[in-house]
Amino acid sequence: MPIEILMPALSPTMEEGTLAKWLVKEGDMVQSGDVLAEIETDKATMEFEAVDEGTMGKILIAEGTADVKVNTPIAVLLEEGESADAIASAPAPAPETLAAAAPAESTAPTAAPAPKPEGARVFATPLARRIAADKGLDLSQIKGSGPRGRIIKADVEGATATPPIRAEEPAPQAAAPAPQPVNASAVAKLYEGRSFTEVPLDGMRKTIAARLTEAKQSIPHFYLRRDIRLDALLAFRGDLNKQLEKRGVKLSVNDFIIKACALALQQVPAANAVWAGDRVLQLEPSDVAVAVAIEGGLFTPVLQDAESKSLSALSAEMKDLASRARSRKLAPHEYQGGSFAISNLGMFGIDNFDAVINPPHGAILAVGAGVKKPVVGPDGDLSVASVMSVTLSVDHRVIDGALGAELLQAIVDNLENPMAMLA
């Protein structure tokens, strides 16, 4: 009767895999232990060996097919004397019974052959090989209870350590457990008997969760940190605010940070870029997004052409965008786009932090509080200065280390020499 070859579980956490390559073709003779295919798991590409012998009658899953579930039939093997006609006449098992009808490894012992003589090839499942390697077992001294004496998981789990595994039979490296999705019921069960309130996720929180998960999983972040002396900026801001008081304008430190970042993107134009999947888009204007906290989430309204606007214009526009963000009245075009973002938690007393890049932006500047600190001057004198710590989170696909350092240096120069930003 034709024998179905099933998609194997090559690691304890494997639920599906990619049939990367067939190493046999229909009509080939197959012996037990022959390598049939290469299968990609979530961590590695591994060889899949035949357990039975016969003729490869039909390949059911083409090479290159992804997301093939474990225990799915991938090929049919014909025993001696059988023809391809037997495949069509053989009854197909129901999908829901496939796993039960053909378990990957049996725990019931069968007739076991004697241990292999020295030099003879040892047949074992990949999982059994890995367990044996972890326990320091010599597979040649273990009796297999699988088909035709093949060593399976149950054979090595209860075995005691013997001389180390032979060098000519290395075990596949163990794959790290795949992250499992969070089960809400399972989490809630942990807190049975404890008082809590269940807060359903609204659309904004779901979007934030999805985008930030995508950002941390897919964007190769690296971080650059600098301290910025604010004394010159604070003095300059004070003078300007006195002059602008009659116009009802009051500039914040954040307004200067926006302007400094916008000018820095012009000074280092290669860093004014976003990731577009198969290419990088380098922008000409400085469109700077600023994170605004609202109840239940945040918005990042974008100030377009920020490099060409005055400090007072940027201040007025930022106040308007922040006000409408908090009342959720921003239009999509007002919080989408931009190439760079600013997240300022200094007003909450946070000294420093690392911000998560908002895709497709190339970078985000995390701004901490300005605090009095002792500093050493160029001549070695010790003094007290107002210092602000910033961290630039950078997408390494878009901006390399040296380029990111150049951008951050430009931001620092602009903030430490604020009068030059008006030139």
Protein backbone atom coordinates (compact mmCIF):
# COMPACT_ATOMS: atom_id res chain seq x y z
CA MET A 1 0.00 0.00 0.00
CA PRO A 2 1.36 3.48 -0.84
CA ILE A 3 3.01 5.24 2.11
CA GLU A 4 2.29 8.90 2.72
CA ILE A 5 5.30 11.04 3.64
CA LEU A 6 4.19 13.75 6.04
CA MET A 7 5.63 17.18 6.77
CA PRO A 8 7.86 16.50 9.81
CA ALA A 9 8.18 18.54 12.99
CA LEU A 10 11.88 19.34 12.99
CA SER A 11 11.77 21.31 16.23
CA PRO A 12 9.56 21.18 19.34
CA THR A 13 7.86 24.47 18.42
CA MET A 14 7.54 23.91 14.68
CA GLU A 15 3.95 24.11 13.45
CA GLU A 16 4.64 24.79 9.78
CA GLY A 17 7.60 25.12 7.45
CA THR A 18 8.74 25.80 3.91
CA LEU A 19 9.55 22.90 1.61
CA ALA A 20 12.69 24.58 0.29
CA LYS A 21 14.01 21.89 -2.08
CA TRP A 22 13.31 18.32 -3.15
CA LEU A 23 16.49 16.21 -3.43
CA VAL A 24 14.67 13.32 -5.14
CA LYS A 25 12.24 13.19 -8.03
CA GLU A 26 9.30 10.99 -8.95
CA GLY A 27 10.48 7.52 -9.94
CA ASP A 28 13.65 7.58 -7.82
CA MET A 29 14.46 4.64 -5.56
CA VAL A 30 14.60 5.66 -1.92
CA GLN A 31 16.37 3.85 0.92
CA SER A 32 15.76 4.41 4.62
CA GLY A 33 18.05 7.23 5.70
CA ASP A 34 18.25 8.88 2.28
CA VAL A 35 17.83 12.67 2.40
CA LEU A 36 14.56 13.48 0.65
CA ALA A 37 14.25 17.26 0.98
CA GLU A 38 15.48 20.44 2.61
CA ILE A 39 12.92 22.04 4.91
CA GLU A 40 13.10 25.57 6.32
CA THR A 41 11.90 26.03 9.87
CA ASP A 42 11.59 29.40 11.60
CA LYS A 43 15.29 29.29 12.47
CA ALA A 44 17.18 27.05 10.05
CA THR A 45 17.15 24.87 6.93
CA MET A 46 17.32 21.18 7.83
CA GLU A 47 17.53 17.92 5.92
CA PHE A 48 14.61 15.49 6.04
CA GLU A 49 15.52 11.79 5.79
CA ALA A 50 13.39 8.91 4.59
CA VAL A 51 12.19 6.43 7.21
CA ASP A 52 10.85 3.84 4.75
CA GLU A 53 12.18 2.53 1.46
CA GLY A 54 10.53 2.28 -1.92
CA THR A 55 9.98 4.31 -5.07
CA MET A 56 9.03 7.99 -5.02
CA GLY A 57 5.58 7.70 -6.57
CA LYS A 58 4.25 11.26 -6.41
CA ILE A 59 5.37 14.61 -5.03
CA LEU A 60 2.31 16.37 -3.55
CA ILE A 61 3.90 19.65 -2.39
CA ALA A 62 6.11 21.54 -4.84
CA GLU A 63 9.45 22.86 -3.67
CA GLY A 64 9.34 26.49 -2.59
CA THR A 65 5.91 26.09 -1.00
CA ALA A 66 5.69 28.02 2.27
CA ASP A 67 3.52 27.59 5.37
CA VAL A 68 3.10 23.82 5.01
CA LYS A 69 1.52 22.54 8.24
CA VAL A 70 3.17 19.73 10.18
CA ASN A 71 1.68 16.29 9.32
CA THR A 72 0.45 17.49 5.92
CA PRO A 73 1.12 14.82 3.23
CA ILE A 74 3.97 16.07 1.02
CA ALA A 75 4.70 12.96 -1.07
CA VAL A 76 3.71 9.32 -1.65
CA LEU A 77 6.17 6.41 -1.53
CA LEU A 78 5.43 3.17 -3.41
CA GLU A 79 6.52 -0.15 -1.96
CA GLU A 80 8.10 -2.88 -4.04
CA GLY A 81 5.77 -4.15 -6.74
CA GLU A 82 3.36 -1.20 -6.56
CA SER A 83 2.66 1.10 -9.49
CA ALA A 84 1.55 4.71 -9.68
CA ASP A 85 -2.02 3.46 -10.22
CA ALA A 86 -2.07 2.47 -6.54
CA ILE A 87 -1.84 6.13 -5.54
CA ALA A 88 -5.13 7.01 -7.23
CA SER A 89 -6.90 3.97 -5.75
CA ALA A 90 -5.66 4.50 -2.20
CA PRO A 91 -8.28 6.16 0.03
CA ALA A 92 -7.26 9.66 1.17
CA PRO A 93 -7.38 10.23 4.92
CA ALA A 94 -9.68 12.95 6.20
CA PRO A 95 -7.78 16.20 6.93
CA GLU A 96 -8.90 16.27 10.56
CA THR A 97 -7.52 12.77 11.18
CA LEU A 98 -4.16 13.18 9.43
CA ALA A 99 -2.25 14.10 12.56
CA ALA A 100 -3.85 11.33 14.60
CA ALA A 101 -3.45 8.71 11.89
CA ALA A 102 0.28 9.37 11.39
CA PRO A 103 1.94 10.78 14.52
CA ALA A 104 5.46 12.11 14.02
CA GLU A 105 6.90 9.88 16.72
CA SER A 106 5.40 6.89 18.52
CA THR A 107 5.91 6.39 22.22
CA ALA A 108 5.00 2.68 22.13
CA PRO A 109 8.09 0.47 21.81
CA THR A 110 8.27 -2.03 18.95
CA ALA A 111 10.72 -4.74 18.12
CA ALA A 112 14.15 -3.12 18.47
CA PRO A 113 17.28 -4.16 16.60
CA ALA A 114 20.57 -4.68 18.36
CA PRO A 115 22.92 -1.69 18.79
CA LYS A 116 24.75 -0.69 15.63
CA PRO A 117 28.26 -2.11 15.16
CA GLU A 118 31.15 0.34 15.16
CA GLY A 119 31.24 2.31 11.88
CA ALA A 120 27.68 1.48 10.86
CA ARG A 121 25.35 4.38 10.01
CA VAL A 122 22.88 5.29 12.73
CA PHE A 123 19.33 6.29 11.70
CA ALA A 124 17.62 8.78 14.00
CA THR A 125 15.11 11.58 13.73
CA PRO A 126 16.51 15.15 13.85
CA LEU A 127 14.77 15.74 17.20
CA ALA A 128 16.28 12.57 18.65
CA ARG A 129 19.73 13.64 17.45
CA ARG A 130 19.41 17.03 19.14
CA ILE A 131 18.23 15.54 22.45
CA ALA A 132 21.08 13.02 22.33
CA ALA A 133 23.59 15.81 21.74
CA ASP A 134 22.25 17.80 24.70
CA LYS A 135 22.49 14.74 26.97
CA GLY A 136 25.86 13.51 25.67
CA LEU A 137 24.44 10.22 24.38
CA ASP A 138 26.12 7.90 21.86
CA LEU A 139 23.39 7.07 19.34
CA SER A 140 25.23 3.94 18.20
CA GLN A 141 24.57 2.41 21.64
CA ILE A 142 20.83 3.12 21.63
CA LYS A 143 18.16 0.75 20.30
CA GLY A 144 15.64 2.46 18.05
CA SER A 145 11.93 1.73 18.41
CA GLY A 146 10.86 3.61 15.27
CA PRO A 147 10.21 2.15 11.82
CA ARG A 148 13.04 -0.19 10.81
CA GLY A 149 14.91 0.53 14.02
CA ARG A 150 15.03 4.30 13.61
CA ILE A 151 15.89 6.12 16.87
CA ILE A 152 13.09 8.46 17.91
CA LYS A 153 12.47 10.97 20.71
CA ALA A 154 11.15 8.37 23.21
CA ASP A 155 14.33 6.29 22.84
CA VAL A 156 16.68 9.06 23.96
CA GLU A 157 14.53 10.87 26.53
CA GLY A 158 14.89 8.11 29.12
CA ALA A 159 18.47 7.17 28.28
CA THR A 160 21.37 7.98 30.60
CA ALA A 161 24.53 9.75 29.49
CA THR A 162 27.21 7.69 27.76
CA PRO A 163 30.39 8.82 25.99
CA PRO A 164 29.86 12.05 24.00
CA ILE A 165 28.19 11.98 20.62
CA ARG A 166 30.58 11.18 17.78
CA ALA A 167 32.03 14.12 15.88
CA GLU A 168 30.88 12.73 12.54
CA GLU A 169 27.25 12.95 13.64
CA PRO A 170 26.68 16.52 14.88
CA ALA A 171 23.20 17.30 16.10
CA PRO A 172 21.23 20.18 14.60
CA GLN A 173 21.37 23.34 16.68
CA ALA A 174 18.29 23.81 18.81
CA ALA A 175 15.93 26.49 17.55
CA ALA A 176 14.76 29.17 19.98
CA PRO A 177 11.09 28.86 20.90
CA ALA A 178 8.90 30.93 18.62
CA PRO A 179 7.02 33.76 20.33
CA GLN A 180 3.42 32.79 20.95
CA PRO A 181 0.51 35.24 20.55
CA VAL A 182 -0.89 36.61 23.79
CA ASN A 183 -4.00 34.71 24.90
CA ALA A 184 -6.35 37.17 26.63
CA SER A 185 -8.23 34.43 28.50
CA ALA A 186 -5.01 32.86 29.76
CA VAL A 187 -3.72 36.21 31.02
CA ALA A 188 -7.03 37.02 32.73
CA LYS A 189 -6.99 33.62 34.42
CA LEU A 190 -3.70 34.54 36.11
CA TYR A 191 -5.51 37.32 37.97
CA GLU A 192 -8.57 35.40 39.10
CA GLY A 193 -9.55 36.62 42.54
CA ARG A 194 -7.79 39.96 42.04
CA SER A 195 -9.71 43.15 41.40
CA PHE A 196 -9.21 44.67 37.96
CA THR A 197 -11.05 46.58 35.24
CA GLU A 198 -10.95 45.35 31.67
CA VAL A 199 -10.30 48.23 29.24
CA PRO A 200 -11.24 47.36 25.65
CA LEU A 201 -8.82 48.56 22.95
CA ASP A 202 -10.10 51.30 20.71
CA GLY A 203 -8.95 51.75 17.11
CA MET A 204 -6.16 54.16 18.06
CA ARG A 205 -4.63 51.88 20.69
CA LYS A 206 -4.80 48.91 18.32
CA THR A 207 -3.05 50.95 15.62
CA ILE A 208 -0.38 52.15 18.04
CA ALA A 209 0.23 48.59 19.23
CA ALA A 210 0.47 47.26 15.67
CA ARG A 211 2.77 50.02 14.39
CA LEU A 212 5.14 49.98 17.36
CA THR A 213 5.34 46.18 17.27
CA GLU A 214 6.15 46.43 13.57
CA ALA A 215 8.73 49.13 14.29
CA LYS A 216 10.63 47.20 16.98
CA GLN A 217 10.49 43.91 15.08
CA SER A 218 11.37 45.17 11.61
CA ILE A 219 13.45 48.35 12.07
CA PRO A 220 17.13 47.87 13.03
CA HIS A 221 17.36 50.65 15.62
CA PHE A 222 20.62 52.10 16.86
CA TYR A 223 21.00 54.95 19.34
CA LEU A 224 23.20 58.05 19.56
CA ARG A 225 23.31 60.12 22.73
CA ARG A 226 24.50 63.65 23.44
CA ASP A 227 24.29 66.28 26.18
CA ILE A 228 23.40 69.79 25.02
CA ARG A 229 24.23 72.96 26.96
CA LEU A 230 21.14 75.18 27.04
CA ASP A 231 22.43 78.33 28.72
CA ALA A 232 22.79 80.35 25.50
CA LEU A 233 19.42 79.15 24.22
CA LEU A 234 17.60 79.97 27.47
CA ALA A 235 19.08 83.46 27.55
CA PHE A 236 18.25 84.06 23.89
CA ARG A 237 14.72 82.72 24.35
CA GLY A 238 14.19 85.04 27.31
CA ASP A 239 15.26 88.09 25.27
CA LEU A 240 13.02 87.12 22.33
CA ASN A 241 9.98 86.48 24.51
CA LYS A 242 10.34 89.96 26.03
CA GLN A 243 10.32 91.47 22.57
CA LEU A 244 7.41 89.28 21.39
CA GLU A 245 5.29 89.81 24.50
CA LYS A 246 3.32 92.66 22.90
CA ARG A 247 2.33 90.32 20.03
CA GLY A 248 1.13 87.67 22.46
CA VAL A 249 3.85 85.23 21.33
CA LYS A 250 5.75 83.07 23.78
CA LEU A 251 8.38 80.72 22.40
CA SER A 252 9.03 77.38 24.12
CA VAL A 253 12.24 75.39 24.17
CA ASN A 254 10.40 72.83 22.03
CA ASP A 255 9.94 75.46 19.29
CA PHE A 256 13.71 75.90 19.15
CA ILE A 257 14.20 72.11 19.05
CA ILE A 258 11.83 71.82 16.07
CA LYS A 259 13.68 74.59 14.24
CA ALA A 260 17.08 73.09 15.08
CA CYS A 261 16.07 69.67 13.75
CA ALA A 262 14.52 71.13 10.59
CA LEU A 263 17.71 73.07 9.81
CA ALA A 264 19.90 70.07 10.62
CA LEU A 265 18.01 67.99 8.04
CA GLN A 266 18.93 70.65 5.48
CA GLN A 267 22.54 70.73 6.64
CA VAL A 268 22.77 66.91 6.38
CA PRO A 269 20.40 66.23 3.47
CA ALA A 270 21.31 62.52 3.15
CA ALA A 271 19.72 61.97 6.58
CA ASN A 272 16.44 63.59 5.50
CA ALA A 273 15.15 60.26 4.26
CA VAL A 274 12.55 57.54 4.80
CA TRP A 275 12.45 53.78 4.23
CA ALA A 276 10.21 52.71 1.33
CA GLY A 277 10.65 48.93 1.35
CA ASP A 278 12.81 48.43 -1.72
CA ARG A 279 14.29 51.92 -1.80
CA VAL A 280 15.05 55.04 0.24
CA LEU A 281 13.21 58.29 -0.43
CA GLN A 282 15.33 61.37 0.24
CA LEU A 283 13.13 64.40 0.93
CA GLU A 284 13.96 68.00 0.02
CA PRO A 285 11.82 69.91 2.59
CA SER A 286 12.14 69.34 6.33
CA ASP A 287 8.79 67.92 7.41
CA VAL A 288 9.15 67.37 11.15
CA ALA A 289 6.64 65.36 13.20
CA VAL A 290 6.16 66.07 16.90
CA ALA A 291 4.63 63.53 19.29
CA VAL A 292 1.59 64.89 21.16
CA ALA A 293 0.16 62.87 24.05
CA ILE A 294 -3.62 62.62 24.17
CA GLU A 295 -5.96 60.58 26.33
CA GLY A 296 -5.57 56.95 25.37
CA GLY A 297 -2.71 57.42 22.90
CA LEU A 298 -0.76 59.95 20.90
CA PHE A 299 -0.64 61.78 17.59
CA THR A 300 2.40 62.93 15.63
CA PRO A 301 1.26 66.03 13.72
CA VAL A 302 3.68 67.11 11.00
CA LEU A 303 5.02 70.64 10.54
CA GLN A 304 5.75 70.84 6.83
CA ASP A 305 8.57 73.02 5.46
CA ALA A 306 9.69 73.69 9.04
CA GLU A 307 13.12 74.86 7.87
CA SER A 308 11.64 77.91 6.13
CA LYS A 309 9.25 79.04 8.88
CA SER A 310 10.04 81.52 11.63
CA LEU A 311 10.12 80.49 15.27
CA SER A 312 6.91 82.40 15.95
CA ALA A 313 5.17 80.71 12.99
CA LEU A 314 6.32 77.28 14.15
CA SER A 315 5.13 78.06 17.68
CA ALA A 316 1.65 79.12 16.52
CA GLU A 317 1.29 76.14 14.18
CA MET A 318 2.44 73.67 16.83
CA LYS A 319 -0.04 75.04 19.37
CA ASP A 320 -2.87 74.74 16.86
CA LEU A 321 -1.95 71.19 15.84
CA ALA A 322 -1.53 70.06 19.45
CA SER A 323 -4.90 71.56 20.44
CA ARG A 324 -6.72 69.85 17.58
CA ALA A 325 -4.84 66.60 18.22
CA ARG A 326 -6.12 66.50 21.81
CA SER A 327 -9.68 67.01 20.58
CA ARG A 328 -9.06 64.43 17.79
CA LYS A 329 -9.87 66.91 15.03
CA LEU A 330 -6.73 66.49 12.94
CA ALA A 331 -7.14 65.57 9.28
CA PRO A 332 -5.09 62.55 8.12
CA HIS A 333 -2.75 64.68 6.00
CA GLU A 334 -1.81 66.63 9.14
CA TYR A 335 -0.38 63.62 11.00
CA GLN A 336 0.88 61.48 8.12
CA GLY A 337 4.21 61.79 6.35
CA GLY A 338 7.34 63.53 7.53
CA SER A 339 10.85 62.11 7.62
CA PHE A 340 11.85 62.86 11.20
CA ALA A 341 10.11 63.00 14.57
CA ILE A 342 10.61 64.58 18.00
CA SER A 343 9.38 63.12 21.29
CA ASN A 344 9.87 65.44 24.25
CA LEU A 345 9.28 64.12 27.77
CA GLY A 346 11.40 66.76 29.43
CA MET A 347 8.34 68.56 30.80
CA PHE A 348 7.55 65.38 32.77
CA GLY A 349 10.96 65.40 34.45
CA ILE A 350 12.39 62.54 32.39
CA ASP A 351 16.17 62.92 32.12
CA ASN A 352 16.63 60.67 29.09
CA PHE A 353 14.94 57.82 27.20
CA ASP A 354 14.98 55.92 23.91
CA ALA A 355 12.11 56.60 21.51
CA VAL A 356 10.72 54.07 19.01
CA ILE A 357 10.97 55.11 15.36
CA ASN A 358 7.63 55.83 13.70
CA PRO A 359 7.81 54.14 10.26
CA PRO A 360 8.61 55.14 7.61
CA HIS A 361 10.68 57.87 9.34
CA GLY A 362 14.45 57.51 9.31
CA ALA A 363 14.99 58.79 12.86
CA ILE A 364 13.39 60.21 16.00
CA LEU A 365 14.90 62.50 18.65
CA ALA A 366 14.05 61.73 22.28
CA VAL A 367 14.39 64.89 24.40
CA GLY A 368 14.89 64.88 28.14
CA ALA A 369 14.65 67.61 30.74
CA GLY A 370 17.10 70.48 31.01
CA VAL A 371 18.73 70.27 34.45
CA LYS A 372 21.56 72.02 36.25
CA LYS A 373 24.75 69.97 36.14
CA PRO A 374 28.44 70.53 36.91
CA VAL A 375 30.43 70.84 33.69
CA VAL A 376 34.12 71.18 32.92
CA GLY A 377 34.97 74.05 30.58
CA PRO A 378 37.62 74.04 27.83
CA ASP A 379 40.18 75.52 30.22
CA GLY A 380 39.44 72.90 32.90
CA ASP A 381 37.36 75.17 35.12
CA LEU A 382 34.38 73.59 36.83
CA SER A 383 31.05 75.42 36.51
CA VAL A 384 27.31 74.81 36.61
CA ALA A 385 25.29 74.75 33.38
CA SER A 386 21.80 73.81 32.18
CA VAL A 387 22.22 70.53 30.29
CA MET A 388 19.65 68.61 28.25
CA SER A 389 20.18 64.96 27.34
CA VAL A 390 18.94 63.76 23.93
CA THR A 391 18.93 60.37 22.22
CA LEU A 392 18.66 59.96 18.46
CA SER A 393 17.04 56.64 17.48
CA VAL A 394 18.09 55.81 13.92
CA ASP A 395 16.92 53.33 11.29
CA HIS A 396 20.16 51.68 10.16
CA ARG A 397 18.60 50.77 6.80
CA VAL A 398 18.31 54.49 6.01
CA ILE A 399 21.07 56.18 7.99
CA ASP A 400 24.47 54.74 8.87
CA GLY A 401 26.31 55.48 12.10
CA ALA A 402 28.59 58.25 10.83
CA LEU A 403 25.72 59.97 9.03
CA GLY A 404 23.55 59.76 12.15
CA ALA A 405 26.37 61.25 14.22
CA GLU A 406 26.69 64.09 11.71
CA LEU A 407 22.96 64.82 11.94
CA LEU A 408 23.02 64.83 15.74
CA GLN A 409 26.07 67.12 15.76
CA ALA A 410 24.19 69.57 13.53
CA ILE A 411 21.23 69.54 15.95
CA VAL A 412 23.57 70.16 18.90
CA ASP A 413 25.33 73.04 17.11
CA ASN A 414 22.02 74.69 16.25
CA LEU A 415 20.74 74.51 19.83
CA GLU A 416 23.99 75.64 21.43
CA ASN A 417 24.24 78.57 18.98
CA PRO A 418 20.56 79.60 18.69
CA MET A 419 21.17 83.02 17.16
CA ALA A 420 22.67 81.35 14.07
CA MET A 421 19.27 79.66 13.41
CA LEU A 422 17.84 83.09 12.53
CA ALA A 423 20.57 83.91 10.02
